[in-house]
Structure formats: structure tokens, C-alpha cells
N, C-alpha and C. Protein backbone atom coordinates (compact mmCIF):
# COMPACT_ATOMS: atom_id res chain seq x y z
N MET A 1 78.66 81.00 75.03
CA MET A 1 78.48 79.67 75.37
C MET A 1 77.24 79.17 75.35
N ASN A 2 75.87 80.09 75.29
CA ASN A 2 74.54 79.40 75.41
C ASN A 2 74.45 78.94 73.85
N ASP A 3 75.06 79.37 72.91
CA ASP A 3 74.66 78.85 71.47
C ASP A 3 75.31 76.98 71.89
N VAL A 4 76.44 77.30 71.90
CA VAL A 4 77.18 75.88 72.08
C VAL A 4 76.58 75.11 73.27
N LYS A 5 76.05 75.69 73.81
CA LYS A 5 75.41 74.78 75.38
C LYS A 5 74.07 73.99 74.74
N GLU A 6 73.24 75.26 73.87
CA GLU A 6 72.26 74.55 72.99
C GLU A 6 72.18 73.90 72.29
N ARG A 7 73.31 73.64 71.58
CA ARG A 7 73.61 72.57 70.39
C ARG A 7 73.99 71.38 70.87
N LEU A 8 74.16 71.60 71.92
CA LEU A 8 74.75 70.32 72.77
C LEU A 8 73.23 69.53 73.47
N ILE A 9 72.80 70.47 74.05
CA ILE A 9 71.49 69.77 74.60
C ILE A 9 70.84 69.53 73.42
N TYR A 10 70.64 69.73 72.67
CA TYR A 10 69.35 69.65 71.07
C TYR A 10 69.67 68.21 70.51
N ASN A 11 71.28 67.85 70.97
CA ASN A 11 71.74 66.64 70.34
C ASN A 11 71.35 65.75 71.06
N ASN A 12 70.54 65.92 72.54
CA ASN A 12 70.55 64.77 73.11
C ASN A 12 68.89 64.09 72.83
N ASN A 13 68.87 63.38 73.57
CA ASN A 13 67.25 62.82 73.48
C ASN A 13 66.21 63.96 74.10
N LYS A 14 64.91 63.69 73.70
CA LYS A 14 63.97 64.81 74.31
C LYS A 14 63.85 64.74 75.48
N LEU A 15 64.03 63.54 76.14
CA LEU A 15 63.90 63.22 77.70
C LEU A 15 64.57 63.84 78.30
N TYR A 16 65.94 63.53 78.02
CA TYR A 16 67.18 64.67 78.68
C TYR A 16 66.91 66.05 78.83
N ARG A 17 66.63 66.51 77.75
CA ARG A 17 66.90 67.94 77.50
C ARG A 17 66.20 69.08 78.40
N LYS A 18 65.52 68.55 79.38
CA LYS A 18 64.97 69.39 80.46
C LYS A 18 65.42 69.20 81.78
N ALA A 19 66.49 68.08 81.77
CA ALA A 19 66.81 67.61 83.22
C ALA A 19 68.08 68.41 83.42
N VAL A 20 67.90 68.65 85.01
CA VAL A 20 68.97 69.78 85.61
C VAL A 20 70.50 69.14 85.64
N PHE A 21 70.54 67.98 85.59
CA PHE A 21 71.94 67.35 85.58
C PHE A 21 72.04 67.38 83.70
N VAL A 22 71.70 67.00 83.14
CA VAL A 22 72.05 67.74 81.47
C VAL A 22 72.39 69.09 81.49
N ASN A 23 71.81 69.94 81.75
CA ASN A 23 71.75 71.01 81.68
C ASN A 23 73.36 71.61 82.34
N ASP A 24 73.38 71.38 83.70
CA ASP A 24 74.57 71.67 84.39
C ASP A 24 75.81 71.14 83.56
N PHE A 25 75.81 69.80 83.40
CA PHE A 25 76.81 69.21 82.64
C PHE A 25 77.31 69.76 81.28
N TYR A 26 76.28 70.47 80.81
CA TYR A 26 76.59 70.98 79.18
C TYR A 26 77.14 72.49 79.35
N THR A 27 76.86 73.26 80.56
CA THR A 27 77.13 74.22 81.00
C THR A 27 78.53 74.44 80.89
N VAL A 28 79.33 73.12 81.95
CA VAL A 28 80.42 73.10 82.43
C VAL A 28 81.24 73.03 80.93
N VAL A 29 80.30 71.77 80.13
CA VAL A 29 81.20 71.64 78.70
C VAL A 29 81.31 72.70 77.92
N ALA A 30 80.39 73.77 78.25
CA ALA A 30 80.21 74.81 76.90
C ALA A 30 81.22 75.51 77.76
N ILE A 31 81.57 75.76 78.79
CA ILE A 31 82.61 76.72 79.70
C ILE A 31 84.30 76.18 79.08
N VAL A 32 84.25 74.86 79.01
CA VAL A 32 85.93 74.48 78.49
C VAL A 32 86.28 74.70 77.23
N TYR A 33 84.88 74.33 76.42
CA TYR A 33 84.64 73.92 74.85
C TYR A 33 85.27 75.78 74.56
N GLU A 34 84.87 76.54 75.25
CA GLU A 34 84.74 78.01 74.43
C GLU A 34 86.60 78.45 75.18
N SER A 35 86.83 78.22 76.34
CA SER A 35 88.41 78.41 76.68
C SER A 35 89.50 77.60 76.11
N LEU A 36 88.68 76.83 75.34
CA LEU A 36 89.71 75.79 74.70
C LEU A 36 89.90 76.69 73.28
N LEU A 37 88.63 77.04 72.83
CA LEU A 37 88.61 77.92 71.56
C LEU A 37 89.62 79.24 71.80
N SER A 38 89.58 79.40 72.51
CA SER A 38 90.10 80.99 72.40
C SER A 38 91.66 80.76 73.25
N ARG A 39 91.96 79.29 73.37
CA ARG A 39 93.37 79.23 73.81
C ARG A 39 93.94 79.11 72.31
N LEU A 40 93.20 78.29 71.72
CA LEU A 40 93.80 77.97 70.32
C LEU A 40 93.62 79.25 69.27
N ASP A 41 92.72 79.98 69.56
CA ASP A 41 92.93 81.33 68.68
C ASP A 41 94.09 82.20 69.34
N GLU A 42 94.40 81.74 70.48
CA GLU A 42 95.91 82.73 71.30
C GLU A 42 96.68 81.98 70.57
N ALA A 43 96.90 80.85 70.53
CA ALA A 43 97.90 80.28 69.76
C ALA A 43 98.41 80.36 68.34
N GLU A 44 96.93 80.42 67.71
CA GLU A 44 97.13 80.84 66.57
C GLU A 44 98.16 82.26 65.83
N LYS A 45 97.93 82.94 66.84
CA LYS A 45 98.03 84.22 66.65
C LYS A 45 99.68 84.10 66.40
N GLN A 46 100.39 83.44 67.40
CA GLN A 46 101.83 83.11 67.75
C GLN A 46 102.54 82.50 66.22
N LEU A 47 101.86 82.14 65.56
CA LEU A 47 102.22 81.36 64.15
C LEU A 47 102.72 82.81 63.08
N PHE A 48 102.21 83.77 63.41
CA PHE A 48 102.72 84.85 62.51
C PHE A 48 103.34 85.89 63.62
N PHE A 49 104.32 86.44 62.54
CA PHE A 49 105.10 87.58 63.20
C PHE A 49 103.81 88.82 63.31
N ASP A 50 103.14 89.08 62.14
CA ASP A 50 102.22 90.21 62.25
C ASP A 50 101.43 90.11 63.25
N THR A 51 100.64 88.90 63.83
CA THR A 51 99.49 88.86 65.10
C THR A 51 100.11 88.75 66.01
N MET A 52 101.75 88.36 66.47
CA MET A 52 102.12 87.86 67.53
C MET A 52 101.99 88.55 68.81
N THR A 53 101.15 87.87 70.08
CA THR A 53 101.09 88.86 71.08
C THR A 53 102.42 88.75 71.70
N LEU A 54 102.57 89.84 73.24
CA LEU A 54 103.50 89.49 74.04
C LEU A 54 103.89 88.62 74.44
N PRO A 55 103.31 87.54 75.21
CA PRO A 55 103.75 86.18 75.38
C PRO A 55 105.05 85.84 74.52
N GLY A 56 104.03 85.38 73.08
CA GLY A 56 105.07 84.83 71.85
C GLY A 56 106.29 85.86 71.61
N ILE A 57 106.11 86.98 71.92
CA ILE A 57 107.40 87.82 71.67
C ILE A 57 108.21 87.99 72.42
N GLU A 58 108.01 87.34 73.54
CA GLU A 58 109.06 87.46 74.64
C GLU A 58 109.62 86.28 74.77
N ILE A 59 109.04 85.30 74.20
CA ILE A 59 109.66 84.01 74.14
C ILE A 59 110.97 83.33 73.00
N PHE A 60 110.21 84.52 71.74
CA PHE A 60 111.36 84.49 70.47
C PHE A 60 112.45 85.56 71.01
N GLU A 61 112.21 86.82 71.81
CA GLU A 61 113.08 87.66 72.31
C GLU A 61 114.12 86.88 73.24
N ARG A 62 113.54 85.93 73.51
CA ARG A 62 114.66 85.28 75.20
C ARG A 62 115.54 84.10 74.38
N TYR A 63 115.06 83.71 73.13
CA TYR A 63 115.43 82.36 72.31
C TYR A 63 116.60 83.34 70.99
N LEU A 64 116.14 84.55 70.84
CA LEU A 64 117.26 85.45 70.02
C LEU A 64 118.20 86.02 70.80
N GLY A 65 118.10 86.17 72.01
CA GLY A 65 118.75 87.17 72.30
C GLY A 65 118.58 88.39 72.17
N ILE A 66 117.61 89.10 72.31
CA ILE A 66 117.03 90.28 71.91
C ILE A 66 117.06 90.93 73.19
N THR A 67 118.10 92.32 73.45
CA THR A 67 117.25 92.93 74.97
C THR A 67 116.27 94.00 74.05
N VAL A 68 115.60 94.30 75.05
CA VAL A 68 114.63 95.16 74.28
C VAL A 68 114.51 96.68 74.97
N PRO A 69 114.85 97.45 74.53
CA PRO A 69 114.58 98.90 75.24
C PRO A 69 113.54 99.46 76.07
N ALA A 70 113.66 99.79 77.05
CA ALA A 70 112.20 100.27 77.82
C ALA A 70 111.74 101.10 76.72
N GLY A 71 109.96 101.23 76.70
CA GLY A 71 109.10 101.87 76.14
C GLY A 71 108.82 101.57 74.33
N THR A 72 109.52 100.36 74.08
CA THR A 72 109.25 99.81 72.83
C THR A 72 108.29 99.69 72.46
N SER A 73 107.39 99.45 71.63
CA SER A 73 106.18 99.35 71.06
C SER A 73 105.86 97.78 70.94
N ILE A 74 105.01 97.23 70.65
CA ILE A 74 104.64 95.59 70.43
C ILE A 74 105.01 95.88 68.71
N GLU A 75 104.58 96.69 68.16
CA GLU A 75 104.86 97.02 66.58
C GLU A 75 106.39 96.66 66.66
N GLU A 76 107.63 97.47 67.33
CA GLU A 76 108.63 97.52 66.76
C GLU A 76 109.01 96.05 67.50
N ARG A 77 108.61 95.71 68.60
CA ARG A 77 109.14 94.45 69.27
C ARG A 77 108.98 93.21 68.10
N ARG A 78 107.71 93.28 67.55
CA ARG A 78 107.58 92.24 66.22
C ARG A 78 108.50 92.09 65.28
N ASN A 79 108.72 93.49 64.70
CA ASN A 79 109.18 93.34 63.90
C ASN A 79 110.93 93.08 63.99
N ASN A 80 111.49 94.04 65.09
CA ASN A 80 112.85 93.33 65.58
C ASN A 80 112.99 91.45 65.65
N VAL A 81 111.57 91.21 66.00
CA VAL A 81 111.90 89.18 66.22
C VAL A 81 111.73 89.24 64.61
N LYS A 82 111.28 89.66 63.72
CA LYS A 82 110.83 89.31 62.62
C LYS A 82 112.07 89.29 61.66
N ALA A 83 113.04 90.46 62.15
CA ALA A 83 114.32 90.74 61.24
C ALA A 83 114.94 89.54 61.94
N ASN A 84 115.23 89.45 63.37
CA ASN A 84 116.39 88.58 63.89
C ASN A 84 115.97 87.26 63.57
N TRP A 85 114.98 86.90 63.14
CA TRP A 85 114.40 85.36 62.84
C TRP A 85 115.02 85.34 61.44
N LEU A 86 114.98 85.95 60.71
CA LEU A 86 115.23 86.06 59.56
C LEU A 86 116.75 85.98 59.37
N ALA A 87 117.46 86.93 60.05
CA ALA A 87 118.81 86.99 60.16
C ALA A 87 119.38 85.41 61.00
N ALA A 88 118.72 84.85 62.17
CA ALA A 88 118.79 83.78 62.32
C ALA A 88 119.02 82.34 61.70
N ARG A 89 118.12 82.20 60.37
CA ARG A 89 117.82 80.98 60.05
C ARG A 89 118.94 80.27 59.24
N GLY A 90 120.01 80.93 59.75
CA GLY A 90 121.12 79.75 59.59
C GLY A 90 121.56 79.47 57.67
N LYS A 91 120.82 80.71 57.14
CA LYS A 91 121.31 80.63 55.90
C LYS A 91 122.51 81.46 55.62
N LYS A 92 122.97 81.06 54.42
CA LYS A 92 124.37 81.67 53.96
C LYS A 92 123.90 83.48 53.43
N PHE A 93 125.00 84.21 54.16
CA PHE A 93 124.87 85.68 54.15
C PHE A 93 124.72 86.08 52.77
N THR A 94 123.53 87.08 52.15
CA THR A 94 123.29 87.32 51.04
C THR A 94 123.06 88.88 51.15
N LEU A 95 122.62 89.47 49.80
CA LEU A 95 122.29 90.71 50.13
C LEU A 95 120.73 90.41 49.99
N LYS A 96 120.32 89.47 49.51
CA LYS A 96 118.97 89.64 49.53
C LYS A 96 118.34 89.06 51.12
N MET A 97 119.09 88.58 51.74
CA MET A 97 118.83 88.52 53.57
C MET A 97 118.38 89.67 53.95
N ILE A 98 119.87 90.86 53.96
CA ILE A 98 119.29 92.14 54.17
C ILE A 98 118.35 92.44 54.36
N GLN A 99 117.94 92.77 52.52
CA GLN A 99 116.65 93.13 52.03
C GLN A 99 115.72 92.94 52.73
N GLU A 100 115.75 91.34 53.16
CA GLU A 100 114.65 90.77 53.79
C GLU A 100 114.30 91.49 55.28
N ILE A 101 115.66 91.49 55.76
CA ILE A 101 115.59 92.09 57.19
C ILE A 101 115.27 93.62 57.42
N CYS A 102 115.91 93.97 56.43
CA CYS A 102 115.31 95.68 56.32
C CYS A 102 113.45 95.96 55.87
N LEU A 103 112.94 94.79 55.34
CA LEU A 103 111.85 95.18 54.58
C LEU A 103 111.08 95.03 55.73
N ALA A 104 111.69 93.85 57.00
CA ALA A 104 110.76 93.57 58.20
C ALA A 104 110.47 94.50 59.02
N TRP A 105 111.48 95.95 58.84
CA TRP A 105 110.49 96.66 59.68
C TRP A 105 109.96 97.97 58.69
N ASP A 106 110.54 98.06 57.53
CA ASP A 106 110.39 99.08 56.38
C ASP A 106 109.14 98.07 55.28
N LYS A 107 107.94 98.54 55.15
CA LYS A 107 107.13 97.66 54.19
C LYS A 107 107.60 98.40 52.63
N GLY A 108 107.80 99.22 52.76
CA GLY A 108 108.55 99.74 51.44
C GLY A 108 109.84 99.39 50.76
N ARG A 109 110.24 100.03 49.95
CA ARG A 109 111.57 99.51 48.72
C ARG A 109 112.52 99.83 50.04
N VAL A 110 113.38 98.97 49.38
CA VAL A 110 114.60 99.21 49.89
C VAL A 110 115.56 98.42 49.07
N ASP A 111 116.89 98.96 48.40
CA ASP A 111 117.96 98.69 47.53
C ASP A 111 119.20 98.67 48.09
N VAL A 112 119.63 97.36 48.09
CA VAL A 112 120.81 96.81 48.82
C VAL A 112 121.70 96.20 48.04
N SER A 113 122.77 96.77 47.89
CA SER A 113 123.91 96.31 46.76
C SER A 113 125.29 96.42 47.26
N PHE A 114 126.12 96.07 46.83
CA PHE A 114 127.58 95.52 47.02
C PHE A 114 128.27 96.75 45.64
N THR A 115 129.12 97.90 46.32
CA THR A 115 129.66 98.29 45.54
C THR A 115 131.24 99.30 46.34
N SER A 116 132.14 98.79 45.30
CA SER A 116 133.33 99.17 45.99
C SER A 116 133.57 98.60 47.53
N GLY A 117 133.65 97.20 47.35
CA GLY A 117 133.71 96.38 49.13
C GLY A 117 132.92 97.03 49.89
N LYS A 118 131.68 97.61 49.90
CA LYS A 118 131.13 97.92 50.62
C LYS A 118 129.34 97.96 50.56
N ILE A 119 128.40 97.49 51.79
CA ILE A 119 127.19 97.01 51.66
C ILE A 119 126.71 98.21 51.52
N LYS A 120 125.63 98.72 50.52
CA LYS A 120 125.06 100.06 50.46
C LYS A 120 123.46 99.77 50.75
N ILE A 121 123.03 100.17 52.11
CA ILE A 121 121.72 100.21 51.72
C ILE A 121 120.69 101.29 51.57
N ALA A 122 119.74 101.61 50.90
CA ALA A 122 118.93 102.78 50.16
C ALA A 122 118.22 102.25 50.61
N PHE A 123 116.98 103.15 51.30
CA PHE A 123 115.79 103.38 51.67
C PHE A 123 114.67 104.20 50.61
N LEU A 124 113.95 103.73 49.72
CA LEU A 124 113.66 104.19 48.65
C LEU A 124 112.23 105.05 48.97
N GLU A 125 111.58 104.70 50.05
CA GLU A 125 110.08 105.05 50.04
C GLU A 125 110.15 105.98 51.61
N ILE A 126 111.06 106.03 52.31
CA ILE A 126 111.30 106.88 53.75
C ILE A 126 112.38 108.05 53.51
N TYR A 127 111.72 109.51 54.11
CA TYR A 127 112.37 110.32 54.36
C TYR A 127 113.15 110.53 55.42
N GLY A 128 114.52 110.65 55.53
CA GLY A 128 114.85 110.93 57.00
C GLY A 128 115.29 109.67 57.43
N ILE A 129 115.99 109.61 58.63
CA ILE A 129 116.53 108.29 58.89
C ILE A 129 115.34 107.58 59.88
N PRO A 130 114.90 106.43 59.25
CA PRO A 130 114.19 105.47 59.87
C PRO A 130 114.17 105.44 61.38
N PRO A 131 113.43 105.69 62.09
CA PRO A 131 113.17 105.24 63.71
C PRO A 131 113.93 103.95 64.02
N PHE A 132 113.56 103.19 63.33
CA PHE A 132 114.57 101.75 63.69
C PHE A 132 115.24 101.41 63.39
N ILE A 133 116.57 102.05 63.16
CA ILE A 133 118.10 102.05 62.21
C ILE A 133 118.46 101.49 63.46
N ASP A 134 118.46 101.85 64.87
CA ASP A 134 119.32 101.18 65.72
C ASP A 134 119.35 99.65 65.74
N ASN A 135 117.85 99.55 66.00
CA ASN A 135 118.06 98.03 65.79
C ASN A 135 118.30 97.18 64.47
N LEU A 136 118.18 97.78 63.41
CA LEU A 136 118.50 97.29 62.18
C LEU A 136 120.16 97.29 62.19
N LYS A 137 120.99 98.16 62.68
CA LYS A 137 122.49 98.16 62.59
C LYS A 137 122.47 96.83 63.64
N LYS A 138 122.20 96.54 64.76
CA LYS A 138 122.33 95.56 65.67
C LYS A 138 121.99 94.44 64.58
N THR A 139 120.74 93.98 64.01
CA THR A 139 120.66 92.63 63.75
C THR A 139 121.86 92.85 62.18
N ILE A 140 121.93 93.73 61.51
CA ILE A 140 122.93 93.45 60.21
C ILE A 140 124.49 93.15 60.96
N ASP A 141 124.88 93.87 61.94
CA ASP A 141 126.01 93.90 62.84
C ASP A 141 125.94 92.24 62.98
N ARG A 142 125.35 91.89 63.31
CA ARG A 142 124.81 90.16 63.87
C ARG A 142 125.30 89.50 62.96
N ILE A 143 124.94 89.34 61.83
CA ILE A 143 124.85 88.56 60.76
C ILE A 143 126.15 88.65 59.43
N LYS A 144 126.20 89.68 59.65
CA LYS A 144 127.16 89.91 58.41
C LYS A 144 128.82 89.55 58.55
N PRO A 145 129.76 89.20 57.70
CA PRO A 145 131.30 89.08 58.06
C PRO A 145 132.08 90.38 58.61
N ALA A 146 132.42 90.40 59.44
CA ALA A 146 132.82 91.39 60.15
C ALA A 146 133.78 91.97 59.60
N HIS A 147 134.21 91.49 58.59
CA HIS A 147 135.36 92.66 57.27
C HIS A 147 134.47 93.72 56.45
N LEU A 148 133.13 93.11 56.09
CA LEU A 148 132.68 93.89 55.42
C LEU A 148 131.80 95.25 56.50
N PRO A 149 132.36 96.60 55.55
CA PRO A 149 131.56 97.39 55.87
C PRO A 149 129.89 97.96 55.49
N TYR A 150 129.44 98.68 55.86
CA TYR A 150 128.32 98.99 55.41
C TYR A 150 127.77 100.50 55.73
N GLU A 151 127.04 101.10 54.72
CA GLU A 151 126.27 102.13 54.82
C GLU A 151 124.84 102.28 54.52
N PHE A 152 124.25 103.08 55.23
CA PHE A 152 122.84 103.54 55.11
C PHE A 152 122.99 104.68 54.14
N ILE A 153 122.00 104.77 52.99
CA ILE A 153 121.32 105.80 52.08
C ILE A 153 120.11 106.21 52.38
N TYR A 154 119.87 107.10 53.11
CA TYR A 154 118.41 108.16 53.52
C TYR A 154 118.43 109.27 52.22
N GLN A 155 117.08 109.44 52.06
CA GLN A 155 116.66 110.38 51.28
C GLN A 155 115.93 111.93 52.41
N LEU A 156 116.67 112.66 51.75
CA LEU A 156 116.54 114.10 52.32
C LEU A 156 115.45 114.90 51.22
N HIS A 157 114.95 115.98 51.50
CA HIS A 157 114.58 116.72 50.88
C HIS A 157 115.10 117.74 50.63
N THR A 158 114.96 117.90 49.46
CA THR A 158 116.21 119.05 48.96
C THR A 158 114.86 120.82 48.87
N TRP A 159 115.70 121.77 48.56
CA TRP A 159 115.11 122.90 48.34
C TRP A 159 114.14 123.08 47.18
N GLY A 160 114.86 122.41 46.09
CA GLY A 160 113.97 121.93 44.80
C GLY A 160 112.89 121.39 45.01
N ASP A 161 112.37 120.08 46.24
CA ASP A 161 111.37 119.72 45.90
C ASP A 161 110.17 121.11 47.00
N VAL A 162 111.01 121.78 47.59
CA VAL A 162 109.99 122.97 48.04
C VAL A 162 109.41 123.55 47.08
N LYS A 163 109.74 124.04 46.33
CA LYS A 163 109.06 124.67 44.86
C LYS A 163 107.83 124.33 44.62
N THR A 164 107.50 122.69 45.08
CA THR A 164 106.58 122.38 44.78
C THR A 164 105.16 122.38 45.45
N HIS A 165 105.31 123.35 46.53
CA HIS A 165 104.07 123.25 47.88
C HIS A 165 104.44 125.10 48.25
N THR A 166 103.12 125.06 48.73
CA THR A 166 102.97 126.68 48.88
C THR A 166 103.15 126.94 50.32
N TRP A 167 103.47 128.16 50.47
CA TRP A 167 103.60 127.93 51.85
C TRP A 167 102.79 128.09 53.39
N ASP A 168 101.49 127.77 52.82
CA ASP A 168 100.78 127.36 53.95
C ASP A 168 101.03 126.05 54.23
N PHE A 169 101.48 125.07 53.17
CA PHE A 169 101.32 123.78 53.34
C PHE A 169 102.79 123.53 54.26
N PHE A 170 103.69 124.45 54.33
CA PHE A 170 104.87 124.38 55.29
C PHE A 170 103.94 125.27 56.31
N ARG A 171 103.68 125.93 56.48
CA ARG A 171 103.05 126.48 58.03
C ARG A 171 102.25 125.88 58.58
N THR A 172 101.53 124.51 58.01
CA THR A 172 100.85 123.94 58.98
C THR A 172 101.04 122.86 59.20
N ASN A 173 102.61 122.60 58.73
CA ASN A 173 103.41 120.90 59.54
C ASN A 173 103.83 121.26 60.23
N THR A 174 104.82 120.04 60.55
CA THR A 174 105.66 120.57 61.65
C THR A 174 107.06 120.38 60.76
N TRP A 175 108.07 120.73 62.06
CA TRP A 175 109.15 121.02 60.93
C TRP A 175 110.44 119.22 60.93
N GLU A 176 109.28 118.65 61.72
CA GLU A 176 109.81 117.23 61.91
C GLU A 176 109.41 116.82 60.28
N TYR A 177 108.53 116.81 60.23
CA TYR A 177 107.52 116.61 58.89
C TYR A 177 108.08 116.95 57.82
N VAL A 178 108.65 118.47 57.87
CA VAL A 178 108.91 118.63 56.65
C VAL A 178 110.29 118.19 56.17
N LYS A 179 110.96 118.34 57.19
CA LYS A 179 112.54 117.46 56.87
C LYS A 179 112.65 116.37 56.81
N SER A 180 111.67 115.14 56.92
CA SER A 180 111.72 113.64 56.85
C SER A 180 110.46 113.04 56.37
N GLY A 181 109.41 113.97 56.02
CA GLY A 181 108.02 113.31 55.75
C GLY A 181 108.01 113.22 53.95
N ASP A 182 106.90 111.88 54.49
CA ASP A 182 106.67 111.61 52.83
C ASP A 182 106.07 112.85 52.07
N TRP A 183 106.18 114.21 51.94
CA TRP A 183 104.93 115.00 51.52
C TRP A 183 105.20 115.16 50.33
N GLN A 184 106.03 114.94 48.99
CA GLN A 184 106.23 114.55 47.59
C GLN A 184 105.06 114.08 47.36
N ASN A 185 104.84 112.87 48.03
CA ASN A 185 104.06 111.77 47.44
C ASN A 185 102.45 112.36 48.30
N GLY A 186 102.50 112.90 48.95
CA GLY A 186 101.47 113.41 49.88
C GLY A 186 100.07 114.06 49.43
């Protein structure tokens, strides 16, 4: 604030720079200016799903009709809003749309295909069942035609994968990580 105030006062005539009124006036101007900049920064964050703050998320959730389970993190809420926004854009339903929705939660690779009258969604870089699967199902159910079934294809570790690691690796990790963690690439 002082930097802004000093620049404003410096732009005045030398005779007025030391006047109490000018100093007080520019103190108020600097406070209002800083407040305005802060509000503009906050508004800018609402433009992007990745930086959206809680007030912006709540507006989108009301608009999109999203019910938020208790204890949901802000990151999960952002991803849910992004996926539902992509689904609600009013475009024609396509496999690419489902892929974009899946990528809103999972930044890895997802393969979406239509085989034997069924939509198949394969997570290629996540092991086990993704934590966001319930929200993803709700979003897909909202946009897909009612007559089309879908299924998820998950990657799981096999006993063949175990041979690539030592017993110490498994002993030092949790069972949950061993079952569904990405320890093949780690």
C-alpha cells in the first residue's frame, strides 16, 4: 500500500507532497486501489477451473445441480465442476466428450471406445478403482443416452508384476499401495 501511495503523491506538485490532506487522501486512495486489485485477482481465479476458489465452485455447483458429499476436497469439487461443465456444454454426445470428462479428473491417459454396443472406458495410467469413480458415473449417466450401457476397465497388478520387485519393496509399502499403486513405473 505504501508503494502505491508514494507513487501517487510523487505525481503531485512538490508544494502539495507534504500536505497532511494530500497524504490522508492518497492513503485512502491506496487502500481502495489495493482492495480493488485484490478483488480483481480473486475474480481472475474464477475464470479457470484449476484456480477456482470456493465461492466460484459453489456458484457452478448450484448452476449445474451438483450435490456435494460431505468431506469432499476443493480439488475434487473443482474436477467435478469441470467434468459436469464439459458434459453440460450442449454438444452432441460423443466418445470424445466422455474422454474429456474422464480427463477432468484423471490427468493421465484414458481410452474410450464403443464395442459390441457398449461404451468401454479404460484407465491406462491408474491402478485399481479411481477414487473419483462415483462422481464420474453420475456425470456419464447425466449425458449419455439412456439405452447405452457402459463399463469401466481398470488396471490391476498381477503376480507377474510382483517378480520385478524385492520383498523389501512390498514390506515397506502399504497393502493398498501394493494392490492399486503405480509401483511398476515408480
